[in-house]
Amino acid sequence: MIQSQLDPLPADLPFRFISKTIGRGAYASIKKAIPLTASSPVFAVKLIHKGYAIKHGRISAKQIAMEVSLHSHIGQHPNVIEWFATGEDHVWRWIAMEYAQGGDLFDKIEADVGVAEDIAQLYFYQLISGVSFMHSKGIAHRDLKPENILMSENGDLKLADFGMATMFQYKGQRKLSTTMCGSPPYVAPEVLSCGRGDRTSSEANKYSAELVDMWSCGVILFVLLVGNTPWDEPTSQSWEYQEYKKMNGRSSDSLWERIPTEALSLLRGMMNIEPKKRFSFAQIRQHPWYTRRNKFLAADGKITDPLNLATEMLENLRIDFSQKAPSAQCVSQPSQDAMEIDSAPHRISSTQPETPINDVLFDWERPMLRSLAVSSTQPLSRADATLPPSATQSNFFDALAEEPSMSQFSQTPGVPLTLTQRAQRFRDIVPPHSFTRFFSPMPPQLLVQMISDALHNLNVPLPSSPPHIGQGDHVSTLKVRTVDERKQGLHGEILVDKYFLPASQELLEVRFVKLKGDPLEWRRFFKKIVLLCKDGVYKPEA
C-alpha cells in the first residue's frame, strides 16, 4: 500500500467529497466535491500527495507549484477546465477545479473510424478556441492529446491537465523550451529532435512551445477525422512520417485518403515540418474548412443541436461480431525502444508519471442503469448492485436494452428510438461513463477464464496464479499492463461485478477501466477482447 493511501487528508477542507475516486494519476487522485454549506456546484478536486509525487513521480515541488500557478493564470474560458482554488498542508496539495461532467471525449469516438465531418469540425473549432485563449495568456499546454480532452455535460470540449504547461511569453518577453514532454504520436518533431540532441547549436536545441501546440492540434484533427494517428512518432523510425516529410505533406498512406479534400491543406499548414512556417490562429480561422457551414456549430462556438450531435456520435460506436476474432499479436511487453515514454530521465516524459499499479488502491464509480430509478452518474457501491425491490427481471432487461453503451452491441445499427424520444440533454444519450463495458449471462468462473484466455491470446502478461473469484457481488479484478499498437503504455483493470436478478439469477457486468494510455487505443483493446469473448457477451435482440 502506498503512503498516500495512509495519510489522512487535511481536516480543514472548505468542501466535502461526494464520490469515490473518479480519476487517478501516479501521484494524484480526483474526487467530486461540493461546498460545505451547499449542494452545488459540483466540482472536481485533484489531491496530490507531495511526498509520494516527489519521491516516485519524478516531479519537483516547483513543478507542482507551477501547475497550480499556470492553471490559475489562464482564467475563464468555455473550452478550458476552470481553476477554482488550491490549498495544502505538510502532506497534501489540493486543487479545486471545474468538473467535466461529460467525461472523456475520445472514449466516445470509434477507433479506426473517427467521427462525421461536422462533429470533427465542431470539436476542432472548440479546441482551437481553448488553445488560442491559453496562448493569449502566454501559456502553452505542451501535452495536447486525447487523454487531456474532456466534455461538459452538454458535450462541449474542455481542455484539461496542465502539468506540462509552460509560460512562453511574459510582459513582451518570449522564452524557448527545452523540456521533453508530450506523447510521441501527438508531439511535434522538434521536441524529439531537441531531446536527442540532433541539432548543433544550443539555440537549436530549444523549441517554441506555442508552435508545438499547433502541431498537436493538427494531429488531433487527423484523429477526429479517421480514428487513428498518422504515425507512431514523427521520427526516422516511422516510414509514414518520413514519407510525409520527404513529400511535403503528401502521403500515400490510405489514412490520408479519408481526409476531406478541403481539410488537407489545413492539416499540412498546421503540421508543417518547419515550425516557423506553421499556420497561425489567424490563418486557421480564415481557412475554408474551418469556416464551412456546420449544423452543430453556433456563431459563438457553442453546440446548436446537442441531442442530434449525441445521437450521431453514438451511432458511430459499433462492434461487428461478424468480424474475425484477432489472433495473437507480438508480445505486448513494455517497449525498450528509445522513444518509449516514462522509462528513463532522458526520454520523453508523460503528464502523469507512472507507478506500479499493483501498489495503488483506488475505487471507481460504477454507473447504474438509468432506468432503474438511479441516475447513471451517481456512485454505486458494490453492495448496492442489487435491483430495487419493485424491479422485475423483464424491466431490468428493458432498462439494459436502453442503456446507451448497449447500442454498440445491437444487431440493428442506430440508437434505440425510446432513448432518443426520452432524451432532454446531451448526456441522456452520451453519458459520462465509459462505453468500454459489456454484460454477460455466463457463470463467473467461466467468464473470468474466457477473459483470461483472451488476454493470453493478445499476449498481455498474466499473473502466475489464477484470478481470484469473489463470492460476493464483486467477482474479480484482472489487471492490464501492456503497450498499444503505438508502443505506448496501456494500463488498466477489467472489473467483473454482479447484478442480482429476481429468481436468484445473476448478470455479470464487465467494465474496462483505463488507468493510463490513449482512450482510442483502450477502446481498440476493448473491442479485441469483446470479439474474443463474443460467446459470453449479452447482445440486445439476440
Protein backbone atom coordinates (compact mmCIF):
# COMPACT_ATOMS: atom_id res chain seq x y z
CA MET A 1 0.00 0.00 0.00
CA ILE A 2 1.41 3.41 -0.92
CA GLN A 3 1.81 6.09 1.68
CA SER A 4 -0.77 8.36 0.05
CA GLN A 5 -3.45 5.86 0.99
CA LEU A 6 -2.46 6.00 4.66
CA ASP A 7 -2.02 9.71 5.30
CA PRO A 8 -5.25 11.46 6.38
CA LEU A 9 -6.49 14.31 4.22
CA PRO A 10 -6.36 17.88 5.61
CA ALA A 11 -9.03 18.38 8.27
CA ASP A 12 -9.96 21.94 7.31
CA LEU A 13 -11.02 21.43 3.71
CA PRO A 14 -13.66 24.02 2.61
CA PHE A 15 -15.70 21.32 0.83
CA ARG A 16 -16.88 17.77 1.30
CA PHE A 17 -16.36 14.84 -1.04
CA ILE A 18 -19.43 13.25 -2.62
CA SER A 19 -17.78 10.48 -4.64
CA LYS A 20 -15.21 7.78 -4.62
CA THR A 21 -12.20 8.30 -6.85
CA ILE A 22 -13.22 9.28 -10.38
CA GLY A 23 -9.70 9.56 -11.80
CA ARG A 24 -6.12 8.86 -10.91
CA GLY A 25 -2.57 9.70 -11.90
CA ALA A 26 0.52 8.12 -10.47
CA TYR A 27 0.73 10.60 -7.61
CA ALA A 28 -2.76 12.12 -7.54
CA SER A 29 -6.40 11.18 -7.37
CA ILE A 30 -9.53 13.12 -8.34
CA LYS A 31 -12.81 13.16 -6.43
CA LYS A 32 -16.08 15.04 -6.80
CA ALA A 33 -16.90 17.59 -4.10
CA ILE A 34 -19.38 20.32 -3.14
CA PRO A 35 -19.10 23.34 -0.80
CA LEU A 36 -19.57 22.61 2.91
CA THR A 37 -22.71 24.71 3.15
CA ALA A 38 -24.39 23.91 -0.19
CA SER A 39 -25.32 21.06 -2.51
CA SER A 40 -23.95 22.79 -5.60
CA PRO A 41 -21.93 23.38 -7.61
CA VAL A 42 -20.29 20.01 -8.07
CA PHE A 43 -16.59 20.41 -8.79
CA ALA A 44 -13.52 18.19 -9.04
CA VAL A 45 -10.68 18.13 -6.52
CA LYS A 46 -7.25 16.88 -7.51
CA LEU A 47 -5.37 15.56 -4.47
CA ILE A 48 -1.58 15.43 -4.82
CA HIS A 49 0.45 13.54 -2.22
CA LYS A 50 3.54 15.76 -2.30
CA GLY A 51 6.00 13.34 -0.76
CA TYR A 52 4.99 10.45 -2.98
CA ALA A 53 4.95 12.69 -6.08
CA ILE A 54 8.46 13.96 -5.48
CA LYS A 55 9.89 10.59 -4.49
CA HIS A 56 8.22 8.35 -7.08
CA GLY A 57 6.61 10.66 -9.61
CA ARG A 58 9.82 12.23 -10.91
CA ILE A 59 8.50 15.75 -10.36
CA SER A 60 9.66 18.51 -8.04
CA ALA A 61 7.79 20.69 -5.58
CA LYS A 62 8.44 23.56 -8.00
CA GLN A 63 6.68 21.68 -10.82
CA ILE A 64 3.62 21.06 -8.65
CA ALA A 65 3.50 24.75 -7.75
CA MET A 66 3.96 25.67 -11.42
CA GLU A 67 0.95 23.58 -12.48
CA VAL A 68 -1.21 25.39 -9.91
CA SER A 69 0.15 28.83 -10.84
CA LEU A 70 -0.27 28.43 -14.60
CA HIS A 71 -3.73 26.88 -14.37
CA SER A 72 -4.94 29.73 -12.16
CA HIS A 73 -3.35 32.28 -14.53
CA ILE A 74 -5.25 31.01 -17.58
CA GLY A 75 -8.61 32.36 -16.41
CA GLN A 76 -12.12 31.52 -17.56
CA HIS A 77 -12.94 30.15 -20.99
CA PRO A 78 -15.79 27.83 -22.05
CA ASN A 79 -13.35 25.31 -23.56
CA VAL A 80 -10.84 25.17 -20.71
CA ILE A 81 -11.33 23.47 -17.33
CA GLU A 82 -11.64 26.34 -14.88
CA TRP A 83 -9.40 26.63 -11.83
CA PHE A 84 -11.24 27.48 -8.57
CA ALA A 85 -8.93 27.29 -5.56
CA THR A 86 -5.98 25.49 -4.01
CA GLY A 87 -4.58 24.70 -0.60
CA GLU A 88 -2.03 22.47 1.11
CA ASP A 89 -0.70 21.10 4.35
CA HIS A 90 2.60 19.33 5.02
CA VAL A 91 1.42 16.20 3.16
CA TRP A 92 -1.18 17.16 0.58
CA ARG A 93 -1.72 19.75 -2.12
CA TRP A 94 -5.29 20.02 -3.38
CA ILE A 95 -6.63 21.82 -6.45
CA ALA A 96 -10.35 22.51 -6.86
CA MET A 97 -11.44 22.89 -10.47
CA GLU A 98 -14.41 22.60 -12.80
CA TYR A 99 -15.83 19.08 -13.11
CA ALA A 100 -16.14 17.90 -16.71
CA GLN A 101 -19.49 16.18 -16.35
CA GLY A 102 -19.46 14.74 -19.88
CA GLY A 103 -16.41 12.56 -19.30
CA ASP A 104 -13.76 11.62 -21.82
CA LEU A 105 -14.46 12.86 -25.37
CA PHE A 106 -12.30 10.31 -27.17
CA ASP A 107 -13.85 7.42 -25.26
CA LYS A 108 -16.95 8.16 -27.36
CA ILE A 109 -15.09 8.12 -30.70
CA GLU A 110 -14.71 4.90 -32.65
CA ALA A 111 -11.13 3.76 -33.17
CA ASP A 112 -10.17 3.49 -36.87
CA VAL A 113 -13.40 5.26 -37.84
CA GLY A 114 -13.43 8.72 -36.28
CA VAL A 115 -16.47 10.99 -36.40
CA ALA A 116 -18.55 12.72 -39.09
CA GLU A 117 -17.00 15.81 -40.65
CA ASP A 118 -19.38 18.22 -38.90
CA ILE A 119 -18.58 16.69 -35.50
CA ALA A 120 -14.84 16.82 -36.21
CA GLN A 121 -15.08 20.48 -37.24
CA LEU A 122 -17.13 21.34 -34.15
CA TYR A 123 -14.59 19.88 -31.73
CA PHE A 124 -11.65 21.24 -33.71
CA TYR A 125 -13.25 24.70 -33.55
CA GLN A 126 -13.59 24.42 -29.77
CA LEU A 127 -10.06 23.01 -29.44
CA ILE A 128 -8.60 25.97 -31.32
CA SER A 129 -10.74 28.33 -29.26
CA GLY A 130 -9.39 26.92 -25.99
CA VAL A 131 -5.74 26.70 -27.09
CA SER A 132 -5.70 30.20 -28.62
CA PHE A 133 -7.12 31.58 -25.37
CA MET A 134 -4.31 29.90 -23.42
CA HIS A 135 -1.74 31.31 -25.86
CA SER A 136 -3.21 34.79 -25.46
CA LYS A 137 -2.25 34.46 -21.78
CA GLY A 138 1.29 33.47 -22.77
CA ILE A 139 0.78 29.82 -21.77
CA ALA A 140 1.31 26.74 -23.93
CA HIS A 141 -0.17 23.37 -22.97
CA ARG A 142 2.61 21.13 -24.43
CA ASP A 143 0.67 17.91 -23.81
CA LEU A 144 -2.34 18.14 -26.11
CA LYS A 145 -3.66 14.63 -26.75
CA PRO A 146 -6.96 12.74 -26.39
CA GLU A 147 -6.39 11.89 -22.71
CA ASN A 148 -6.46 15.59 -21.89
CA ILE A 149 -9.65 16.46 -23.78
CA LEU A 150 -12.88 16.16 -21.80
CA MET A 151 -16.51 17.22 -22.25
CA SER A 152 -19.08 19.25 -20.36
CA GLU A 153 -22.49 17.71 -19.68
CA ASN A 154 -23.72 19.48 -22.83
CA GLY A 155 -20.99 17.92 -24.97
CA ASP A 156 -18.71 20.97 -25.22
CA LEU A 157 -14.96 20.35 -25.35
CA LYS A 158 -12.85 21.07 -22.26
CA LEU A 159 -9.04 21.21 -22.17
CA ALA A 160 -7.60 19.64 -19.04
CA ASP A 161 -4.36 18.68 -17.27
CA PHE A 162 -1.82 21.49 -17.20
CA GLY A 163 1.02 19.51 -15.63
CA MET A 164 3.27 20.10 -18.65
CA ALA A 165 2.15 23.67 -19.36
CA THR A 166 4.72 26.46 -19.61
CA MET A 167 4.73 30.24 -19.90
CA PHE A 168 6.33 31.08 -23.24
CA GLN A 169 5.63 34.82 -23.12
CA TYR A 170 5.51 37.30 -20.26
CA LYS A 171 5.48 41.11 -20.47
CA GLY A 172 6.56 41.01 -24.09
CA GLN A 173 9.49 38.67 -23.46
CA ARG A 174 9.44 35.28 -25.23
CA LYS A 175 11.03 32.11 -23.91
CA LEU A 176 12.02 28.92 -25.72
CA SER A 177 11.61 25.46 -24.14
CA THR A 178 13.96 22.52 -23.73
CA THR A 179 11.80 20.08 -21.73
CA MET A 180 10.90 16.77 -23.35
CA CYS A 181 7.16 16.34 -22.87
CA GLY A 182 4.13 15.07 -24.70
CA SER A 183 3.10 11.77 -26.25
CA PRO A 184 5.05 10.53 -29.33
CA PRO A 185 2.06 10.19 -31.70
CA TYR A 186 1.00 13.78 -30.95
CA VAL A 187 4.26 15.57 -30.21
CA ALA A 188 5.99 17.85 -32.73
CA PRO A 189 9.23 16.58 -34.34
CA GLU A 190 11.35 19.44 -33.00
CA VAL A 191 10.63 18.35 -29.41
CA LEU A 192 12.06 14.91 -30.13
CA SER A 193 14.99 16.35 -32.08
CA CYS A 194 15.71 18.64 -29.16
CA GLY A 195 15.74 15.76 -26.70
CA ARG A 196 18.02 13.63 -28.85
CA GLY A 197 20.47 16.43 -29.47
CA ASP A 198 20.01 16.22 -33.25
CA ARG A 199 20.95 19.86 -33.67
CA THR A 200 24.30 21.54 -33.19
CA SER A 201 23.90 24.95 -31.53
CA SER A 202 22.44 25.41 -28.06
CA GLU A 203 19.76 27.71 -29.53
CA ALA A 204 18.75 24.97 -32.00
CA ASN A 205 18.24 22.58 -29.10
CA LYS A 206 15.24 24.62 -28.00
CA TYR A 207 11.73 24.86 -29.36
CA SER A 208 8.77 27.25 -29.39
CA ALA A 209 6.14 25.76 -27.09
CA GLU A 210 3.23 27.52 -28.80
CA LEU A 211 4.20 26.06 -32.20
CA VAL A 212 4.36 22.60 -30.64
CA ASP A 213 0.73 23.04 -29.56
CA MET A 214 -0.21 23.94 -33.14
CA TRP A 215 1.27 20.68 -34.45
CA SER A 216 -0.56 18.66 -31.78
CA CYS A 217 -3.88 20.33 -32.71
CA GLY A 218 -3.30 19.16 -36.28
CA VAL A 219 -2.73 15.56 -35.21
CA ILE A 220 -5.86 15.68 -33.02
CA LEU A 221 -7.90 16.90 -36.02
CA PHE A 222 -6.50 14.00 -38.05
CA VAL A 223 -7.58 11.57 -35.31
CA LEU A 224 -11.06 13.08 -35.14
CA LEU A 225 -11.49 12.52 -38.88
CA VAL A 226 -10.10 8.98 -39.20
CA GLY A 227 -9.86 7.49 -35.69
CA ASN A 228 -6.11 6.92 -35.86
CA THR A 229 -2.87 8.88 -35.70
CA PRO A 230 -0.86 9.49 -38.90
CA TRP A 231 2.25 7.81 -37.38
CA ASP A 232 3.60 6.26 -34.20
CA GLU A 233 6.09 9.07 -33.77
CA PRO A 234 7.48 11.83 -36.02
CA THR A 235 11.00 10.38 -36.27
CA SER A 236 13.16 8.43 -38.70
CA GLN A 237 11.74 5.24 -37.16
CA SER A 238 8.39 5.90 -38.85
CA TRP A 239 8.13 5.39 -42.61
CA GLU A 240 4.78 7.24 -42.60
CA TYR A 241 6.40 10.33 -41.13
CA GLN A 242 9.49 10.06 -43.33
CA GLU A 243 7.32 9.94 -46.46
CA TYR A 244 5.24 12.88 -45.18
CA LYS A 245 8.44 14.85 -44.62
CA LYS A 246 10.01 13.94 -47.97
CA MET A 247 6.83 14.62 -49.97
CA ASN A 248 5.97 17.95 -48.32
CA GLY A 249 2.86 16.64 -46.59
CA ARG A 250 1.77 14.35 -49.43
CA SER A 251 1.38 10.83 -48.14
CA SER A 252 0.46 7.59 -49.89
CA ASP A 253 -0.87 6.15 -46.62
CA SER A 254 -4.53 5.16 -47.06
CA LEU A 255 -5.46 7.05 -43.88
CA TRP A 256 -4.82 10.36 -45.64
CA GLU A 257 -7.23 9.38 -48.42
CA ARG A 258 -10.07 9.54 -45.88
CA ILE A 259 -9.33 13.18 -45.00
CA PRO A 260 -11.83 15.57 -46.68
CA THR A 261 -10.08 17.35 -49.55
CA GLU A 262 -10.69 20.81 -48.09
CA ALA A 263 -9.14 19.82 -44.77
CA LEU A 264 -5.87 18.53 -46.29
CA SER A 265 -4.31 21.97 -46.78
CA LEU A 266 -5.33 22.95 -43.24
CA LEU A 267 -3.61 19.88 -41.78
CA ARG A 268 -0.47 20.43 -43.87
CA GLY A 269 -0.35 24.05 -42.75
CA MET A 270 -0.62 23.15 -39.07
CA MET A 271 1.73 20.18 -39.35
CA ASN A 272 4.47 21.89 -41.33
CA ILE A 273 7.85 20.33 -40.55
CA GLU A 274 9.32 23.83 -40.24
CA PRO A 275 7.85 25.28 -37.02
CA LYS A 276 8.01 28.92 -38.18
CA LYS A 277 6.02 28.07 -41.30
CA ARG A 278 3.10 26.55 -39.38
CA PHE A 279 -0.27 28.21 -39.62
CA SER A 280 -1.09 30.91 -37.11
CA PHE A 281 -4.52 31.08 -35.44
CA ALA A 282 -5.44 33.84 -37.90
CA GLN A 283 -4.63 31.58 -40.86
CA ILE A 284 -6.62 28.73 -39.34
CA ARG A 285 -9.67 30.93 -38.79
CA GLN A 286 -9.55 32.09 -42.42
CA HIS A 287 -9.28 28.59 -43.85
CA PRO A 288 -12.32 27.42 -45.89
CA TRP A 289 -12.67 24.15 -43.98
CA TYR A 290 -12.68 25.98 -40.65
CA THR A 291 -15.30 28.49 -41.85
CA ARG A 292 -17.56 25.96 -43.61
CA ARG A 293 -21.19 25.84 -42.52
CA ASN A 294 -21.84 23.38 -39.70
CA LYS A 295 -25.27 22.28 -38.49
CA PHE A 296 -23.94 21.71 -34.94
CA LEU A 297 -21.96 24.92 -34.53
CA ALA A 298 -23.39 28.27 -33.43
CA ALA A 299 -21.70 31.60 -34.15
CA ASP A 300 -20.44 31.77 -30.55
CA GLY A 301 -18.77 28.35 -30.81
CA LYS A 302 -21.39 26.50 -28.77
CA ILE A 303 -23.41 23.46 -29.79
CA THR A 304 -26.72 24.23 -31.51
CA ASP A 305 -28.29 20.76 -31.53
CA PRO A 306 -26.87 18.67 -28.66
CA LEU A 307 -29.39 15.81 -28.98
CA ASN A 308 -28.70 15.17 -32.66
CA LEU A 309 -24.98 15.59 -32.04
CA ALA A 310 -25.11 12.96 -29.29
CA THR A 311 -27.16 10.62 -31.49
CA GLU A 312 -24.68 10.88 -34.40
CA MET A 313 -21.75 10.25 -32.05
CA LEU A 314 -23.41 7.20 -30.54
CA GLU A 315 -24.34 5.73 -33.93
CA ASN A 316 -20.66 5.53 -34.85
CA LEU A 317 -19.76 3.27 -31.91
CA ARG A 318 -20.18 -0.24 -33.23
CA ILE A 319 -18.79 -3.72 -32.58
CA ASP A 320 -19.16 -6.01 -35.59
CA PHE A 321 -19.48 -9.58 -34.30
CA SER A 322 -19.13 -10.92 -37.83
CA GLN A 323 -15.52 -9.77 -37.75
CA LYS A 324 -12.86 -12.41 -37.31
CA ALA A 325 -11.52 -12.51 -33.75
CA PRO A 326 -7.98 -11.12 -33.53
CA SER A 327 -5.14 -13.62 -33.48
CA ALA A 328 -2.22 -13.47 -31.11
CA GLN A 329 -0.06 -10.43 -31.69
CA CYS A 330 3.56 -9.84 -30.90
CA VAL A 331 4.33 -9.86 -27.19
CA SER A 332 2.86 -6.76 -25.54
CA GLN A 333 5.58 -6.14 -23.03
CA PRO A 334 6.65 -2.58 -22.21
CA SER A 335 8.81 -1.48 -25.11
CA GLN A 336 12.52 -0.85 -24.72
CA ASP A 337 12.51 1.39 -27.78
CA ALA A 338 14.40 4.62 -27.24
CA MET A 339 11.23 6.61 -27.80
CA GLU A 340 9.12 4.95 -25.14
CA ILE A 341 7.75 7.38 -22.60
CA ASP A 342 8.21 7.21 -18.84
CA SER A 343 11.20 4.89 -18.97
CA ALA A 344 14.26 6.98 -18.26
CA PRO A 345 15.11 10.59 -17.43
CA HIS A 346 16.38 11.42 -20.94
CA ARG A 347 13.28 10.06 -22.62
CA ILE A 348 10.02 11.78 -23.23
CA SER A 349 8.01 12.27 -20.05
CA SER A 350 4.28 11.76 -19.70
CA THR A 351 1.90 14.11 -17.97
CA GLN A 352 1.25 11.60 -15.20
CA PRO A 353 4.46 9.76 -14.25
CA GLU A 354 3.88 6.07 -13.85
CA THR A 355 3.93 3.90 -10.74
CA PRO A 356 3.32 0.15 -10.44
CA ILE A 357 -0.46 -0.14 -10.47
CA ASN A 358 -0.26 -3.19 -8.23
CA ASP A 359 0.71 -0.83 -5.42
CA VAL A 360 -2.20 1.56 -5.79
CA LEU A 361 -5.58 1.19 -4.16
CA PHE A 362 -8.49 3.11 -5.62
CA ASP A 363 -12.22 2.98 -6.19
CA TRP A 364 -14.18 3.81 -9.31
CA GLU A 365 -17.73 4.99 -9.64
CA ARG A 366 -19.87 2.25 -11.07
CA PRO A 367 -22.60 3.59 -13.39
CA MET A 368 -26.05 2.23 -12.64
CA LEU A 369 -28.69 1.50 -15.24
CA ARG A 370 -30.52 4.80 -15.61
CA SER A 371 -33.96 3.20 -15.97
CA LEU A 372 -33.76 1.61 -12.54
CA ALA A 373 -34.57 4.80 -10.62
CA VAL A 374 -30.95 5.88 -10.05
CA SER A 375 -29.02 8.29 -12.25
CA SER A 376 -26.16 6.69 -14.14
CA THR A 377 -23.84 9.42 -12.89
CA GLN A 378 -24.33 8.66 -9.20
CA PRO A 379 -21.82 6.43 -7.43
CA LEU A 380 -22.98 2.87 -6.88
CA SER A 381 -21.26 0.79 -4.27
CA ARG A 382 -20.89 -2.89 -4.90
CA ALA A 383 -23.29 -3.59 -2.08
CA ASP A 384 -25.91 -1.56 -3.97
CA ALA A 385 -25.66 -3.64 -7.13
CA THR A 386 -28.93 -5.44 -6.43
CA LEU A 387 -32.14 -4.24 -8.08
CA PRO A 388 -34.76 -2.13 -6.30
CA PRO A 389 -37.47 -4.27 -4.63
CA SER A 390 -40.04 -3.29 -7.26
CA ALA A 391 -37.85 -4.36 -10.16
CA THR A 392 -38.54 -7.48 -12.18
CA GLN A 393 -36.28 -9.41 -14.47
CA SER A 394 -38.17 -8.16 -17.53
CA ASN A 395 -37.88 -4.49 -16.63
CA PHE A 396 -34.21 -4.99 -15.85
CA PHE A 397 -33.58 -6.22 -19.40
CA ASP A 398 -35.79 -3.44 -20.76
CA ALA A 399 -33.59 -0.96 -18.90
CA LEU A 400 -30.46 -2.70 -20.13
CA ALA A 401 -31.62 -2.51 -23.75
CA GLU A 402 -31.96 1.27 -23.41
CA GLU A 403 -28.53 1.79 -21.90
CA PRO A 404 -26.52 3.91 -24.39
CA SER A 405 -23.46 1.66 -24.09
CA MET A 406 -25.54 -1.35 -25.15
CA SER A 407 -26.29 0.13 -28.59
CA GLN A 408 -22.75 -0.75 -29.72
CA PHE A 409 -23.65 -4.47 -29.46
CA SER A 410 -27.03 -4.25 -31.18
CA GLN A 411 -27.60 -6.24 -34.36
CA THR A 412 -29.66 -3.29 -35.63
CA PRO A 413 -27.44 -0.24 -36.27
CA GLY A 414 -28.60 3.01 -34.70
CA VAL A 415 -29.72 4.39 -31.38
CA PRO A 416 -32.89 2.98 -29.73
CA LEU A 417 -35.85 5.21 -30.57
CA THR A 418 -37.11 5.13 -26.99
CA LEU A 419 -33.75 6.51 -25.84
CA THR A 420 -33.85 9.50 -28.19
CA GLN A 421 -37.54 10.17 -27.50
CA ARG A 422 -36.95 10.46 -23.75
CA ALA A 423 -33.69 12.38 -24.03
CA GLN A 424 -33.69 16.01 -22.96
CA ARG A 425 -29.94 16.63 -22.73
CA PHE A 426 -26.74 15.56 -24.48
CA ARG A 427 -25.79 13.38 -21.52
CA ASP A 428 -29.07 11.44 -21.73
CA ILE A 429 -27.76 9.91 -24.97
CA VAL A 430 -24.00 10.13 -24.39
CA PRO A 431 -23.47 9.68 -20.63
CA PRO A 432 -20.18 10.50 -18.91
CA HIS A 433 -19.25 6.95 -18.01
CA SER A 434 -17.04 4.90 -20.29
CA PHE A 435 -18.55 2.79 -23.08
CA THR A 436 -15.88 0.14 -22.65
CA ARG A 437 -18.11 -2.31 -20.80
CA PHE A 438 -20.35 -5.27 -21.56
CA PHE A 439 -22.74 -7.63 -19.77
CA SER A 440 -22.65 -11.42 -19.69
CA PRO A 441 -25.05 -14.19 -18.61
CA MET A 442 -22.18 -16.67 -18.14
CA PRO A 443 -21.23 -18.16 -14.76
CA PRO A 444 -18.49 -16.09 -13.10
CA GLN A 445 -15.78 -18.77 -13.20
CA LEU A 446 -16.29 -19.41 -16.91
CA LEU A 447 -16.40 -15.74 -17.87
CA VAL A 448 -13.24 -14.85 -15.94
CA GLN A 449 -11.48 -17.78 -17.58
CA MET A 450 -12.69 -16.64 -21.00
CA ILE A 451 -11.36 -13.11 -20.40
CA SER A 452 -8.05 -14.54 -19.14
CA ASP A 453 -7.76 -16.66 -22.27
CA ALA A 454 -8.45 -13.58 -24.43
CA LEU A 455 -5.72 -11.63 -22.62
CA HIS A 456 -3.36 -14.55 -23.11
CA ASN A 457 -4.27 -14.67 -26.80
CA LEU A 458 -3.25 -11.00 -27.08
CA ASN A 459 -0.03 -11.71 -25.17
CA VAL A 460 -1.00 -9.48 -22.28
CA PRO A 461 1.08 -10.62 -19.28
CA LEU A 462 -0.96 -12.51 -16.67
CA PRO A 463 -0.11 -13.39 -13.06
CA SER A 464 1.14 -16.91 -12.48
CA SER A 465 -1.77 -17.71 -10.15
CA PRO A 466 -5.38 -17.85 -11.46
CA PRO A 467 -7.54 -14.72 -10.90
CA HIS A 468 -9.33 -14.68 -7.55
CA ILE A 469 -13.09 -15.30 -7.85
CA GLY A 470 -15.02 -13.50 -5.12
CA GLN A 471 -18.14 -14.94 -3.53
CA GLY A 472 -19.92 -11.59 -3.17
CA ASP A 473 -21.08 -9.08 -5.74
CA HIS A 474 -17.53 -8.23 -6.86
CA VAL A 475 -16.37 -11.24 -8.84
CA SER A 476 -12.83 -10.45 -9.96
CA THR A 477 -10.28 -7.83 -10.99
CA LEU A 478 -7.89 -8.52 -13.86
CA LYS A 479 -5.01 -6.07 -14.21
CA VAL A 480 -3.86 -4.98 -17.65
CA ARG A 481 -0.32 -3.75 -18.14
CA THR A 482 0.76 -3.74 -21.75
CA VAL A 483 1.65 -1.48 -24.67
CA ASP A 484 -0.62 -0.44 -27.50
CA GLU A 485 -0.02 -0.58 -31.24
CA ARG A 486 1.96 2.65 -30.94
CA LYS A 487 4.32 1.11 -28.33
CA GLN A 488 2.89 3.43 -25.69
CA GLY A 489 1.92 2.30 -22.19
CA LEU A 490 -1.62 0.98 -21.83
CA HIS A 491 -2.61 0.16 -18.27
CA GLY A 492 -5.92 -0.52 -16.64
CA GLU A 493 -8.19 -3.01 -14.95
CA ILE A 494 -11.03 -5.27 -16.03
CA LEU A 495 -13.62 -5.32 -13.23
CA VAL A 496 -16.24 -8.06 -13.13
CA ASP A 497 -19.29 -7.42 -10.90
CA LYS A 498 -22.72 -8.97 -10.43
CA TYR A 499 -26.21 -7.65 -10.87
CA PHE A 500 -28.58 -9.80 -8.82
CA LEU A 501 -31.78 -10.53 -10.75
CA PRO A 502 -35.10 -11.91 -9.46
CA ALA A 503 -35.44 -15.70 -9.24
CA SER A 504 -31.87 -15.98 -7.90
CA GLN A 505 -30.35 -15.24 -11.29
CA GLU A 506 -27.26 -13.13 -11.98
CA LEU A 507 -25.94 -10.99 -14.81
CA LEU A 508 -22.28 -10.01 -14.85
CA GLU A 509 -21.08 -6.55 -15.75
CA VAL A 510 -17.55 -6.28 -17.16
CA ARG A 511 -16.01 -2.79 -17.04
CA PHE A 512 -12.68 -1.87 -18.65
CA VAL A 513 -11.21 0.96 -16.55
CA LYS A 514 -8.27 2.75 -18.20
CA LEU A 515 -5.56 3.98 -15.84
CA LYS A 516 -3.07 5.15 -18.41
CA GLY A 517 -2.98 5.45 -22.17
CA ASP A 518 -4.74 6.77 -25.23
CA PRO A 519 -8.54 6.32 -24.97
CA LEU A 520 -8.78 5.28 -28.64
CA GLU A 521 -6.13 2.61 -28.07
CA TRP A 522 -8.02 1.46 -24.96
CA ARG A 523 -11.20 1.15 -26.99
CA ARG A 524 -9.32 -0.78 -29.68
CA PHE A 525 -8.07 -3.15 -26.97
CA PHE A 526 -11.60 -3.47 -25.51
CA LYS A 527 -13.03 -4.41 -28.92
CA LYS A 528 -10.42 -7.14 -29.37
CA ILE A 529 -11.32 -8.68 -26.02
CA VAL A 530 -15.06 -8.45 -26.81
CA LEU A 531 -14.58 -10.26 -30.14
CA LEU A 532 -12.53 -12.98 -28.44
CA CYS A 533 -15.25 -13.32 -25.77
CA LYS A 534 -18.25 -12.83 -28.07
CA ASP A 535 -19.93 -16.08 -26.99
CA GLY A 536 -20.12 -14.67 -23.48
CA VAL A 537 -21.37 -11.17 -24.37
CA TYR A 538 -25.03 -10.32 -23.82
CA LYS A 539 -26.43 -8.78 -27.00
CA PRO A 540 -29.77 -6.94 -27.32
CA GLU A 541 -32.24 -8.66 -29.64
CA ALA A 542 -30.12 -11.83 -29.62
